C-alpha cells in the first residue's frame, strides 16, 4: 500500500531528474494536499515531533514533510510541486541566511508568499530550540542522551571559550553526522507547550 514515504521518495527522484509520473500518481492516490519544504532532515525531525506532541498525524491529513537536501534546491521543488507542477499547496521553514533562496524559489514557481507562506528562523532551527529551552536545559538533555563526555570534550576546546553557552551548544549539535537530526526530535519533544519557537508553531498552524 502506498504511503507518504513512497511519495517523498518519488518526489526526490523526480527532483534528481527522474520521471514525474510516480509522484503524480501517488499524489492523487494518497491524496496529498500540502507539502512542507524543509532544508534538511533535522528540520523534518522537529516538525514531525511537534506534530506528534500535538496529537496530529500529518501524513493522514495529506501533509508531506519533505527534506530537499539544502535550501538551494527550493526553486526546483517548488516548480515541481506548486502551480507549474502538481498544483499542491506549499509551505516551509528556513534559516535566516537562506531566506532569499526561498523567496526567489517561490517567485520562480509563480507563488505568492501570502498564499504559500514560508517561515524564517532567526538564525536556524537549532538556535531557536536552544533559545526556547535555555542552555542549561539543553545541556541536561544532551547528558540524558548519553553525550556528556563528547560535550565536555567539546567545551574544553580553546576556540569555544569566546562563545556563549548558546553558541557552544548550537555548534556542538553540528559536529557529528546525525546529531542535529536526533536533537531536532529530542529538543522539540522537551519544549513546554508555551515555549514553542514562533516560526515552528506558525508553520504547524498553517498545515
N, C-alpha and C. Protein backbone atom coordinates (compact mmCIF):
# COMPACT_ATOMS: atom_id res chain seq x y z
N UNK A 1 0.85 -1.20 0.00
CA UNK A 1 0.00 0.00 0.00
C UNK A 1 0.88 1.25 0.00
N UNK A 2 0.56 2.21 -0.82
CA UNK A 2 1.35 3.44 -0.92
C UNK A 2 1.23 4.25 0.36
N UNK A 3 2.33 4.92 0.74
CA UNK A 3 2.30 5.79 1.90
C UNK A 3 3.06 7.07 1.59
N UNK A 4 3.12 7.99 2.56
CA UNK A 4 3.76 9.26 2.32
C UNK A 4 5.26 9.10 2.09
N UNK A 5 5.85 8.07 2.69
CA UNK A 5 7.27 7.81 2.45
C UNK A 5 7.54 7.52 0.99
N UNK A 6 6.65 6.77 0.35
CA UNK A 6 6.82 6.47 -1.07
C UNK A 6 6.69 7.74 -1.90
N UNK A 7 5.79 8.62 -1.50
CA UNK A 7 5.64 9.89 -2.22
C UNK A 7 6.90 10.73 -2.08
N UNK A 8 7.46 10.81 -0.86
CA UNK A 8 8.69 11.57 -0.67
C UNK A 8 9.81 11.03 -1.55
N UNK A 9 9.93 9.71 -1.61
CA UNK A 9 10.97 9.10 -2.44
C UNK A 9 10.76 9.41 -3.92
N UNK A 10 9.51 9.37 -4.35
CA UNK A 10 9.20 9.64 -5.75
C UNK A 10 9.51 11.09 -6.11
N UNK A 11 9.20 12.01 -5.21
CA UNK A 11 9.48 13.43 -5.46
C UNK A 11 10.98 13.68 -5.49
N UNK A 12 11.71 13.07 -4.57
CA UNK A 12 13.17 13.24 -4.53
C UNK A 12 13.81 12.71 -5.81
N UNK A 13 13.34 11.58 -6.28
CA UNK A 13 13.86 11.02 -7.53
C UNK A 13 13.51 11.92 -8.71
N UNK A 14 12.32 12.48 -8.70
CA UNK A 14 11.89 13.40 -9.76
C UNK A 14 12.76 14.65 -9.77
N UNK A 15 13.02 15.21 -8.59
CA UNK A 15 13.86 16.40 -8.49
C UNK A 15 15.29 16.13 -8.95
N UNK A 16 15.71 14.88 -8.85
CA UNK A 16 17.06 14.50 -9.28
C UNK A 16 17.13 14.19 -10.77
N UNK A 17 16.01 14.34 -11.47
CA UNK A 17 16.00 14.13 -12.91
C UNK A 17 15.24 12.93 -13.39
N UNK A 18 14.60 12.21 -12.46
CA UNK A 18 13.83 11.04 -12.83
C UNK A 18 12.45 11.40 -13.35
N UNK A 19 11.63 10.40 -13.68
CA UNK A 19 10.28 10.66 -14.21
C UNK A 19 9.35 11.21 -13.14
N UNK A 20 8.38 12.01 -13.56
CA UNK A 20 7.44 12.60 -12.62
C UNK A 20 6.17 11.81 -12.42
N UNK A 21 5.90 10.84 -13.30
CA UNK A 21 4.63 10.10 -13.21
C UNK A 21 4.42 9.41 -11.87
N UNK A 22 5.44 8.75 -11.28
CA UNK A 22 5.20 8.11 -9.98
C UNK A 22 4.74 9.09 -8.91
N UNK A 23 5.34 10.28 -8.86
CA UNK A 23 4.93 11.28 -7.88
C UNK A 23 3.51 11.75 -8.15
N UNK A 24 3.18 11.98 -9.43
CA UNK A 24 1.82 12.41 -9.77
C UNK A 24 0.79 11.38 -9.34
N UNK A 25 1.07 10.12 -9.62
CA UNK A 25 0.11 9.06 -9.30
C UNK A 25 -0.07 8.94 -7.79
N UNK A 26 1.04 9.01 -7.04
CA UNK A 26 0.94 8.90 -5.58
C UNK A 26 0.24 10.10 -4.97
N UNK A 27 0.48 11.29 -5.52
CA UNK A 27 -0.17 12.49 -5.01
C UNK A 27 -1.69 12.37 -5.08
N UNK A 28 -2.18 11.77 -6.15
CA UNK A 28 -3.62 11.59 -6.32
C UNK A 28 -4.14 10.43 -5.47
N UNK A 29 -3.34 9.38 -5.37
CA UNK A 29 -3.78 8.18 -4.67
C UNK A 29 -3.88 8.42 -3.16
N UNK A 30 -2.97 9.19 -2.57
CA UNK A 30 -2.89 9.25 -1.11
C UNK A 30 -4.08 9.94 -0.42
N UNK A 31 -4.63 11.07 -0.78
CA UNK A 31 -4.10 12.12 -1.63
C UNK A 31 -3.24 13.09 -0.82
N UNK A 32 -2.38 13.82 -1.52
CA UNK A 32 -1.54 14.84 -0.88
C UNK A 32 -2.16 16.20 -1.16
N UNK A 33 -2.27 17.04 -0.14
CA UNK A 33 -2.84 18.38 -0.34
C UNK A 33 -1.81 19.49 -0.08
N UNK A 34 -0.82 19.21 0.82
CA UNK A 34 0.17 20.22 1.19
C UNK A 34 1.54 19.58 1.31
N UNK A 35 2.57 20.30 0.89
CA UNK A 35 3.94 19.85 1.08
C UNK A 35 4.70 20.91 1.88
N UNK A 36 5.36 20.47 2.94
CA UNK A 36 6.20 21.33 3.76
C UNK A 36 7.64 21.15 3.30
N UNK A 37 8.21 22.18 2.68
CA UNK A 37 9.55 22.10 2.13
C UNK A 37 10.57 22.56 3.16
N UNK A 38 11.46 21.65 3.55
CA UNK A 38 12.44 21.93 4.60
C UNK A 38 13.85 21.71 4.07
N UNK A 39 14.80 22.41 4.68
CA UNK A 39 16.18 22.34 4.21
C UNK A 39 16.79 20.96 4.43
N UNK A 40 16.58 20.38 5.62
CA UNK A 40 17.26 19.12 5.93
C UNK A 40 16.47 18.23 6.86
N UNK A 41 17.07 17.09 7.19
CA UNK A 41 16.38 16.07 7.97
C UNK A 41 16.19 16.47 9.43
N UNK A 42 17.06 17.35 9.97
CA UNK A 42 16.86 17.80 11.35
C UNK A 42 15.58 18.63 11.45
N UNK A 43 15.29 19.40 10.41
CA UNK A 43 14.05 20.17 10.40
C UNK A 43 12.83 19.25 10.32
N UNK A 44 12.95 18.20 9.50
CA UNK A 44 11.87 17.21 9.40
C UNK A 44 11.60 16.58 10.77
N UNK A 45 12.69 16.21 11.47
CA UNK A 45 12.55 15.58 12.78
C UNK A 45 11.81 16.49 13.76
N UNK A 46 12.13 17.79 13.73
CA UNK A 46 11.49 18.73 14.65
C UNK A 46 10.02 18.93 14.31
N UNK A 47 9.70 19.11 13.04
CA UNK A 47 8.31 19.32 12.64
C UNK A 47 7.46 18.10 12.97
N UNK A 48 7.98 16.92 12.69
CA UNK A 48 7.22 15.71 12.96
C UNK A 48 7.06 15.48 14.47
N UNK A 49 8.09 15.83 15.25
CA UNK A 49 7.99 15.68 16.70
C UNK A 49 6.95 16.62 17.29
N UNK A 50 6.90 17.86 16.80
CA UNK A 50 5.91 18.80 17.31
C UNK A 50 4.50 18.37 16.92
N UNK A 51 4.35 17.91 15.69
CA UNK A 51 3.03 17.43 15.26
C UNK A 51 2.56 16.27 16.13
N UNK A 52 3.47 15.32 16.41
CA UNK A 52 3.10 14.17 17.24
C UNK A 52 2.74 14.61 18.65
N UNK A 53 3.48 15.60 19.20
CA UNK A 53 3.20 16.10 20.54
C UNK A 53 1.82 16.74 20.61
N UNK A 54 1.35 17.24 19.48
CA UNK A 54 0.02 17.87 19.44
C UNK A 54 -1.05 16.91 18.94
N UNK A 55 -0.69 15.63 18.87
CA UNK A 55 -1.67 14.62 18.51
C UNK A 55 -2.08 14.60 17.06
N UNK A 56 -1.20 15.09 16.20
CA UNK A 56 -1.54 15.15 14.78
C UNK A 56 -0.75 14.12 13.98
N UNK A 57 -1.41 13.52 13.02
CA UNK A 57 -0.78 12.60 12.06
C UNK A 57 -0.78 13.32 10.72
N UNK A 58 0.32 14.00 10.41
CA UNK A 58 0.36 14.83 9.21
C UNK A 58 0.14 14.02 7.94
N UNK A 59 0.74 12.84 7.86
CA UNK A 59 0.58 12.03 6.65
C UNK A 59 -0.89 11.68 6.43
N UNK A 60 -1.60 11.34 7.51
CA UNK A 60 -3.03 11.01 7.39
C UNK A 60 -3.85 12.23 6.98
N UNK A 61 -3.32 13.42 7.27
CA UNK A 61 -4.01 14.66 6.89
C UNK A 61 -3.66 15.11 5.47
N UNK A 62 -2.82 14.33 4.78
CA UNK A 62 -2.43 14.70 3.42
C UNK A 62 -1.30 15.71 3.37
N UNK A 63 -0.51 15.78 4.45
CA UNK A 63 0.61 16.72 4.52
C UNK A 63 1.91 15.94 4.42
N UNK A 64 2.71 16.30 3.44
CA UNK A 64 4.02 15.67 3.24
C UNK A 64 5.10 16.60 3.77
N UNK A 65 5.90 16.12 4.72
CA UNK A 65 7.02 16.88 5.27
C UNK A 65 8.28 16.38 4.55
N UNK A 66 8.92 17.27 3.80
CA UNK A 66 9.93 16.84 2.83
C UNK A 66 11.25 17.58 3.00
N UNK A 67 12.34 16.84 3.14
CA UNK A 67 13.68 17.41 3.13
C UNK A 67 14.16 17.54 1.70
N UNK A 68 14.65 18.75 1.36
CA UNK A 68 15.14 18.99 0.00
C UNK A 68 16.64 18.79 -0.13
N UNK A 69 17.33 18.54 1.00
CA UNK A 69 18.78 18.38 0.93
C UNK A 69 19.50 19.70 0.70
N UNK A 70 18.92 20.80 1.20
CA UNK A 70 19.55 22.11 1.07
C UNK A 70 18.60 23.14 0.49
N UNK A 71 18.70 24.37 1.00
CA UNK A 71 17.79 25.43 0.58
C UNK A 71 17.94 25.83 -0.88
N UNK A 72 19.12 25.59 -1.45
CA UNK A 72 19.34 25.97 -2.84
C UNK A 72 18.48 25.16 -3.81
N UNK A 73 17.87 24.09 -3.32
CA UNK A 73 17.02 23.25 -4.17
C UNK A 73 15.56 23.72 -4.18
N UNK A 74 15.27 24.80 -3.48
CA UNK A 74 13.88 25.21 -3.30
C UNK A 74 13.17 25.52 -4.61
N UNK A 75 13.85 26.18 -5.55
CA UNK A 75 13.18 26.55 -6.80
C UNK A 75 12.73 25.32 -7.57
N UNK A 76 13.59 24.30 -7.60
CA UNK A 76 13.25 23.07 -8.33
C UNK A 76 12.05 22.38 -7.70
N UNK A 77 12.07 22.22 -6.37
CA UNK A 77 10.97 21.54 -5.70
C UNK A 77 9.67 22.34 -5.80
N UNK A 78 9.76 23.65 -5.66
CA UNK A 78 8.55 24.49 -5.75
C UNK A 78 7.94 24.42 -7.14
N UNK A 79 8.80 24.34 -8.16
CA UNK A 79 8.32 24.25 -9.54
C UNK A 79 7.62 22.92 -9.78
N UNK A 80 8.19 21.84 -9.25
CA UNK A 80 7.60 20.51 -9.46
C UNK A 80 6.30 20.32 -8.69
N UNK A 81 6.23 20.88 -7.49
CA UNK A 81 5.11 20.59 -6.60
C UNK A 81 4.05 21.68 -6.57
N UNK A 82 4.41 22.91 -6.92
CA UNK A 82 3.48 24.03 -6.90
C UNK A 82 2.66 24.14 -8.17
N UNK A 83 2.16 25.34 -8.47
CA UNK A 83 1.28 25.55 -9.63
C UNK A 83 1.84 25.06 -10.97
N UNK A 84 3.16 25.20 -11.25
CA UNK A 84 3.64 24.70 -12.55
C UNK A 84 3.65 23.18 -12.66
N UNK A 85 3.61 22.48 -11.50
CA UNK A 85 3.69 21.03 -11.50
C UNK A 85 2.43 20.37 -10.97
N UNK A 86 2.50 19.85 -9.74
CA UNK A 86 1.37 19.10 -9.19
C UNK A 86 0.26 19.99 -8.65
N UNK A 87 0.52 21.28 -8.51
CA UNK A 87 -0.52 22.19 -8.05
C UNK A 87 -0.86 22.04 -6.58
N UNK A 88 0.10 21.59 -5.77
CA UNK A 88 -0.14 21.41 -4.34
C UNK A 88 0.13 22.71 -3.58
N UNK A 89 -0.47 22.81 -2.42
CA UNK A 89 -0.18 23.96 -1.55
C UNK A 89 1.19 23.73 -0.92
N UNK A 90 2.01 24.78 -0.89
CA UNK A 90 3.36 24.67 -0.35
C UNK A 90 3.54 25.59 0.84
N UNK A 91 4.35 25.14 1.78
CA UNK A 91 4.81 25.98 2.86
C UNK A 91 6.21 25.48 3.22
N UNK A 92 6.85 26.12 4.20
CA UNK A 92 8.20 25.69 4.53
C UNK A 92 8.79 26.47 5.67
N UNK A 93 9.99 26.07 6.06
CA UNK A 93 10.72 26.67 7.15
C UNK A 93 12.17 26.78 6.71
N UNK A 94 12.80 27.93 6.95
CA UNK A 94 14.19 28.08 6.53
C UNK A 94 14.96 28.91 7.54
N UNK A 95 16.30 28.86 7.42
CA UNK A 95 17.18 29.69 8.23
C UNK A 95 17.17 31.11 7.68
N UNK A 96 17.50 32.06 8.53
CA UNK A 96 17.55 33.46 8.10
C UNK A 96 18.45 33.65 6.89
N UNK A 97 19.61 33.00 6.89
CA UNK A 97 20.55 33.20 5.78
C UNK A 97 20.06 32.60 4.47
N UNK A 98 19.04 31.74 4.55
CA UNK A 98 18.51 31.11 3.34
C UNK A 98 17.20 31.75 2.88
N UNK A 99 16.78 32.82 3.54
CA UNK A 99 15.51 33.46 3.20
C UNK A 99 15.43 33.83 1.72
N UNK A 100 16.50 34.38 1.16
CA UNK A 100 16.48 34.83 -0.23
C UNK A 100 16.31 33.66 -1.20
N UNK A 101 16.90 32.50 -0.87
CA UNK A 101 16.71 31.32 -1.73
C UNK A 101 15.23 30.95 -1.80
N UNK A 102 14.58 30.95 -0.64
CA UNK A 102 13.15 30.61 -0.60
C UNK A 102 12.33 31.65 -1.37
N UNK A 103 12.63 32.93 -1.14
CA UNK A 103 11.86 33.98 -1.79
C UNK A 103 11.99 33.90 -3.31
N UNK A 104 13.21 33.68 -3.78
CA UNK A 104 13.42 33.56 -5.24
C UNK A 104 12.78 32.29 -5.78
N UNK A 105 12.89 31.21 -5.03
CA UNK A 105 12.27 29.96 -5.47
C UNK A 105 10.77 30.07 -5.57
N UNK A 106 10.16 30.74 -4.59
CA UNK A 106 8.71 30.98 -4.61
C UNK A 106 8.33 31.78 -5.87
N UNK A 107 9.09 32.85 -6.13
CA UNK A 107 8.80 33.72 -7.27
C UNK A 107 8.92 32.97 -8.58
N UNK A 108 9.98 32.19 -8.73
CA UNK A 108 10.20 31.46 -9.98
C UNK A 108 9.14 30.41 -10.23
N UNK A 109 8.53 29.92 -9.16
CA UNK A 109 7.46 28.93 -9.32
C UNK A 109 6.09 29.59 -9.43
N UNK A 110 6.06 30.93 -9.47
CA UNK A 110 4.80 31.64 -9.61
C UNK A 110 3.96 31.67 -8.36
N UNK A 111 4.61 31.57 -7.19
CA UNK A 111 3.89 31.53 -5.93
C UNK A 111 3.86 32.90 -5.27
N UNK A 112 2.74 33.25 -4.69
CA UNK A 112 2.65 34.45 -3.88
C UNK A 112 2.90 34.06 -2.43
N UNK A 113 3.79 34.78 -1.74
CA UNK A 113 4.16 34.39 -0.38
C UNK A 113 2.96 34.35 0.55
N UNK A 114 2.00 35.27 0.34
CA UNK A 114 0.85 35.29 1.24
C UNK A 114 -0.05 34.06 1.06
N UNK A 115 0.01 33.45 -0.11
CA UNK A 115 -0.80 32.26 -0.36
C UNK A 115 -0.06 30.96 -0.04
N UNK A 116 1.26 31.02 -0.11
CA UNK A 116 2.09 29.83 0.14
C UNK A 116 3.21 30.26 1.08
N UNK A 117 2.85 30.57 2.34
CA UNK A 117 3.80 31.19 3.27
C UNK A 117 4.93 30.25 3.65
N UNK A 118 6.11 30.81 3.82
CA UNK A 118 7.19 30.09 4.46
C UNK A 118 7.64 30.90 5.67
N UNK A 119 8.25 30.21 6.63
CA UNK A 119 8.56 30.82 7.91
C UNK A 119 10.07 30.78 8.14
N UNK A 120 10.58 31.83 8.79
CA UNK A 120 12.02 32.04 8.87
C UNK A 120 12.49 32.00 10.32
N UNK A 121 13.50 31.17 10.59
CA UNK A 121 14.11 31.11 11.91
C UNK A 121 15.13 32.24 12.05
N UNK A 122 15.26 32.79 13.26
CA UNK A 122 16.13 33.95 13.48
C UNK A 122 17.57 33.66 13.05
N UNK A 123 18.10 32.52 13.41
CA UNK A 123 19.41 32.08 12.89
C UNK A 123 19.17 30.76 12.16
N UNK A 124 18.88 29.74 12.93
CA UNK A 124 18.44 28.46 12.36
C UNK A 124 17.55 27.79 13.40
N UNK A 125 17.01 26.63 13.06
CA UNK A 125 16.04 25.99 13.95
C UNK A 125 16.71 25.54 15.25
N UNK A 126 17.96 25.08 15.17
CA UNK A 126 18.66 24.66 16.38
C UNK A 126 18.79 25.82 17.36
N UNK A 127 19.13 26.99 16.83
CA UNK A 127 19.26 28.17 17.69
C UNK A 127 17.91 28.54 18.31
N UNK A 128 16.85 28.43 17.54
CA UNK A 128 15.51 28.71 18.06
C UNK A 128 15.18 27.76 19.22
N UNK A 129 15.50 26.48 19.05
CA UNK A 129 15.18 25.50 20.08
C UNK A 129 16.01 25.71 21.33
N UNK A 130 17.30 26.01 21.16
CA UNK A 130 18.17 26.25 22.32
C UNK A 130 17.71 27.49 23.07
N UNK A 131 17.34 28.52 22.34
CA UNK A 131 16.86 29.75 22.98
C UNK A 131 15.55 29.50 23.74
N UNK A 132 14.67 28.70 23.15
CA UNK A 132 13.38 28.42 23.80
C UNK A 132 13.54 27.62 25.08
N UNK A 133 14.44 26.65 25.07
CA UNK A 133 14.63 25.78 26.23
C UNK A 133 15.58 26.37 27.26
N UNK A 134 16.55 27.16 26.78
CA UNK A 134 17.61 27.66 27.64
C UNK A 134 18.80 26.72 27.60
N UNK A 135 20.03 27.26 27.62
CA UNK A 135 21.23 26.42 27.52
C UNK A 135 21.34 25.37 28.62
N UNK A 136 20.94 25.70 29.85
CA UNK A 136 21.06 24.73 30.94
C UNK A 136 20.18 23.50 30.68
N UNK A 137 18.96 23.74 30.22
CA UNK A 137 18.05 22.61 29.94
C UNK A 137 18.55 21.79 28.76
N UNK A 138 19.09 22.46 27.74
CA UNK A 138 19.63 21.72 26.60
C UNK A 138 20.81 20.86 27.03
N UNK A 139 21.69 21.40 27.87
CA UNK A 139 22.82 20.62 28.36
C UNK A 139 22.34 19.40 29.15
N UNK A 140 21.27 19.57 29.94
CA UNK A 140 20.69 18.43 30.66
C UNK A 140 20.23 17.34 29.69
N UNK A 141 19.57 17.76 28.62
CA UNK A 141 19.05 16.81 27.64
C UNK A 141 20.19 16.10 26.92
N UNK A 142 21.24 16.84 26.60
CA UNK A 142 22.41 16.24 25.94
C UNK A 142 23.01 15.16 26.84
N UNK A 143 23.13 15.47 28.11
CA UNK A 143 23.70 14.49 29.04
C UNK A 143 22.76 13.29 29.20
N UNK A 144 21.47 13.54 29.24
CA UNK A 144 20.50 12.45 29.35
C UNK A 144 20.54 11.53 28.15
N UNK A 145 20.94 12.07 27.00
CA UNK A 145 21.05 11.27 25.78
C UNK A 145 22.37 10.51 25.70
N UNK A 146 23.20 10.64 26.73
CA UNK A 146 24.46 9.90 26.75
C UNK A 146 25.62 10.60 26.08
N UNK A 147 25.47 11.91 25.84
CA UNK A 147 26.52 12.66 25.17
C UNK A 147 27.29 13.57 26.12
N UNK A 148 27.33 13.22 27.42
CA UNK A 148 28.03 14.04 28.40
C UNK A 148 29.51 14.14 28.08
N UNK A 149 30.16 13.01 27.79
CA UNK A 149 31.60 13.04 27.52
C UNK A 149 31.93 13.82 26.25
N UNK A 150 31.24 13.55 25.11
CA UNK A 150 31.53 14.37 23.92
C UNK A 150 31.31 15.86 24.15
N UNK A 151 30.27 16.23 24.91
CA UNK A 151 30.02 17.65 25.18
C UNK A 151 31.14 18.24 26.03
N UNK A 152 31.55 17.52 27.07
CA UNK A 152 32.62 18.02 27.94
C UNK A 152 33.91 18.20 27.16
N UNK A 153 34.23 17.24 26.30
CA UNK A 153 35.43 17.34 25.47
C UNK A 153 35.34 18.54 24.53
N UNK A 154 34.19 18.71 23.94
CA UNK A 154 33.97 19.82 23.02
C UNK A 154 34.14 21.17 23.73
N UNK A 155 33.58 21.30 24.91
CA UNK A 155 33.62 22.57 25.63
C UNK A 155 35.03 22.94 26.10
N UNK A 156 35.92 21.95 26.18
CA UNK A 156 37.30 22.23 26.59
C UNK A 156 38.16 22.76 25.44
N UNK A 157 37.63 22.72 24.23
CA UNK A 157 38.40 23.23 23.10
C UNK A 157 38.62 24.74 23.24
N UNK A 158 39.84 25.21 22.99
CA UNK A 158 40.15 26.64 23.19
C UNK A 158 39.23 27.58 22.43
N UNK A 159 38.83 27.18 21.21
CA UNK A 159 38.01 28.08 20.40
C UNK A 159 36.61 28.27 20.95
N UNK A 160 36.20 27.43 21.90
CA UNK A 160 34.86 27.56 22.48
C UNK A 160 34.79 28.59 23.60
N UNK A 161 35.94 29.01 24.10
CA UNK A 161 35.95 29.88 25.28
C UNK A 161 35.32 31.24 25.01
N UNK A 162 35.44 31.72 23.80
CA UNK A 162 34.90 33.05 23.47
C UNK A 162 33.43 33.01 23.10
N UNK A 163 32.84 31.83 23.02
CA UNK A 163 31.45 31.70 22.61
C UNK A 163 30.53 31.64 23.82
N UNK A 164 29.30 32.09 23.63
CA UNK A 164 28.30 32.00 24.69
C UNK A 164 27.84 30.54 24.81
N UNK A 165 27.24 30.16 25.94
CA UNK A 165 26.72 28.79 26.06
C UNK A 165 25.77 28.42 24.92
N UNK A 166 24.94 29.35 24.50
CA UNK A 166 24.01 29.07 23.39
C UNK A 166 24.77 28.79 22.11
N UNK A 167 25.78 29.59 21.83
CA UNK A 167 26.59 29.39 20.63
C UNK A 167 27.35 28.06 20.70
N UNK A 168 27.86 27.72 21.88
CA UNK A 168 28.58 26.47 22.04
C UNK A 168 27.69 25.27 21.75
N UNK A 169 26.49 25.29 22.31
CA UNK A 169 25.58 24.17 22.11
C UNK A 169 25.14 24.06 20.66
N UNK A 170 24.88 25.18 20.05
CA UNK A 170 24.49 25.17 18.63
C UNK A 170 25.61 24.55 17.79
N UNK A 171 26.85 24.93 18.08
CA UNK A 171 27.98 24.38 17.33
C UNK A 171 28.14 22.90 17.63
N UNK A 172 27.95 22.50 18.88
CA UNK A 172 28.09 21.09 19.26
C UNK A 172 27.12 20.20 18.49
N UNK A 173 25.90 20.67 18.30
CA UNK A 173 24.91 19.86 17.61
C UNK A 173 25.29 19.57 16.16
N UNK A 174 26.14 20.40 15.58
CA UNK A 174 26.54 20.20 14.19
C UNK A 174 27.88 19.52 14.00
N UNK A 175 28.48 19.01 15.10
CA UNK A 175 29.84 18.46 14.97
C UNK A 175 29.89 16.98 14.62
N UNK A 176 28.77 16.31 14.58
CA UNK A 176 28.77 14.87 14.27
C UNK A 176 27.59 14.57 13.37
N UNK A 177 27.83 13.77 12.35
CA UNK A 177 26.76 13.42 11.42
C UNK A 177 25.60 12.74 12.16
N UNK A 178 24.40 13.21 11.90
CA UNK A 178 23.21 12.63 12.50
C UNK A 178 22.80 13.25 13.83
N UNK A 179 23.72 14.03 14.45
CA UNK A 179 23.41 14.59 15.77
C UNK A 179 22.30 15.64 15.68
N UNK A 180 22.34 16.50 14.66
CA UNK A 180 21.30 17.52 14.52
C UNK A 180 19.93 16.88 14.30
N UNK A 181 19.91 15.77 13.57
CA UNK A 181 18.63 15.09 13.33
C UNK A 181 18.07 14.55 14.64
N UNK A 182 18.92 13.88 15.41
CA UNK A 182 18.47 13.30 16.68
C UNK A 182 17.99 14.39 17.64
N UNK A 183 18.75 15.46 17.74
CA UNK A 183 18.38 16.51 18.69
C UNK A 183 17.26 17.41 18.16
N UNK A 184 17.03 17.41 16.87
CA UNK A 184 15.85 18.08 16.36
C UNK A 184 14.60 17.50 16.99
N UNK A 185 14.60 16.17 17.13
CA UNK A 185 13.47 15.49 17.78
C UNK A 185 13.51 15.67 19.29
N UNK A 186 14.68 15.42 19.90
CA UNK A 186 14.80 15.45 21.36
C UNK A 186 14.44 16.83 21.93
N UNK A 187 14.99 17.88 21.35
CA UNK A 187 14.74 19.22 21.87
C UNK A 187 13.29 19.64 21.67
N UNK A 188 12.73 19.27 20.52
CA UNK A 188 11.33 19.64 20.26
C UNK A 188 10.39 18.92 21.21
N UNK A 189 10.66 17.65 21.47
CA UNK A 189 9.81 16.90 22.40
C UNK A 189 9.88 17.46 23.82
N UNK A 190 10.98 18.14 24.16
CA UNK A 190 11.15 18.68 25.50
C UNK A 190 10.54 20.07 25.68
N UNK A 191 10.06 20.66 24.61
CA UNK A 191 9.52 22.03 24.69
C UNK A 191 8.23 22.07 25.51
N UNK A 192 8.12 22.99 26.47
CA UNK A 192 6.82 23.23 27.10
C UNK A 192 5.86 23.78 26.04
N UNK A 193 4.58 23.51 26.19
CA UNK A 193 3.61 23.96 25.17
C UNK A 193 3.66 25.45 24.88
N UNK A 194 4.01 26.26 25.89
CA UNK A 194 4.01 27.71 25.70
C UNK A 194 5.38 28.25 25.27
N UNK A 195 6.32 27.35 24.94
CA UNK A 195 7.67 27.79 24.59
C UNK A 195 8.08 27.36 23.18
N UNK A 196 7.14 26.93 22.38
CA UNK A 196 7.47 26.51 21.02
C UNK A 196 7.91 27.74 20.22
N UNK A 197 9.07 27.68 19.55
CA UNK A 197 9.52 28.83 18.75
C UNK A 197 8.47 29.26 17.75
N UNK A 198 8.31 30.56 17.60
CA UNK A 198 7.24 31.11 16.77
C UNK A 198 7.24 30.59 15.34
N UNK A 199 8.40 30.51 14.66
CA UNK A 199 8.36 30.02 13.27
C UNK A 199 7.85 28.58 13.18
N UNK A 200 8.24 27.75 14.13
CA UNK A 200 7.81 26.35 14.12
C UNK A 200 6.32 26.24 14.45
N UNK A 201 5.86 27.00 15.43
CA UNK A 201 4.43 27.00 15.78
C UNK A 201 3.60 27.52 14.62
N UNK A 202 4.06 28.60 13.99
CA UNK A 202 3.30 29.19 12.89
C UNK A 202 3.22 28.23 11.70
N UNK A 203 4.31 27.55 11.42
CA UNK A 203 4.31 26.57 10.34
C UNK A 203 3.24 25.50 10.58
N UNK A 204 3.26 24.93 11.76
CA UNK A 204 2.33 23.83 12.05
C UNK A 204 0.89 24.31 12.02
N UNK A 205 0.67 25.55 12.40
CA UNK A 205 -0.70 26.06 12.42
C UNK A 205 -1.27 26.28 11.02
N UNK A 206 -0.41 26.32 10.01
CA UNK A 206 -0.88 26.57 8.64
C UNK A 206 -1.18 25.29 7.88
N UNK A 207 -0.80 24.13 8.42
CA UNK A 207 -1.00 22.88 7.67
C UNK A 207 -2.08 22.03 8.31
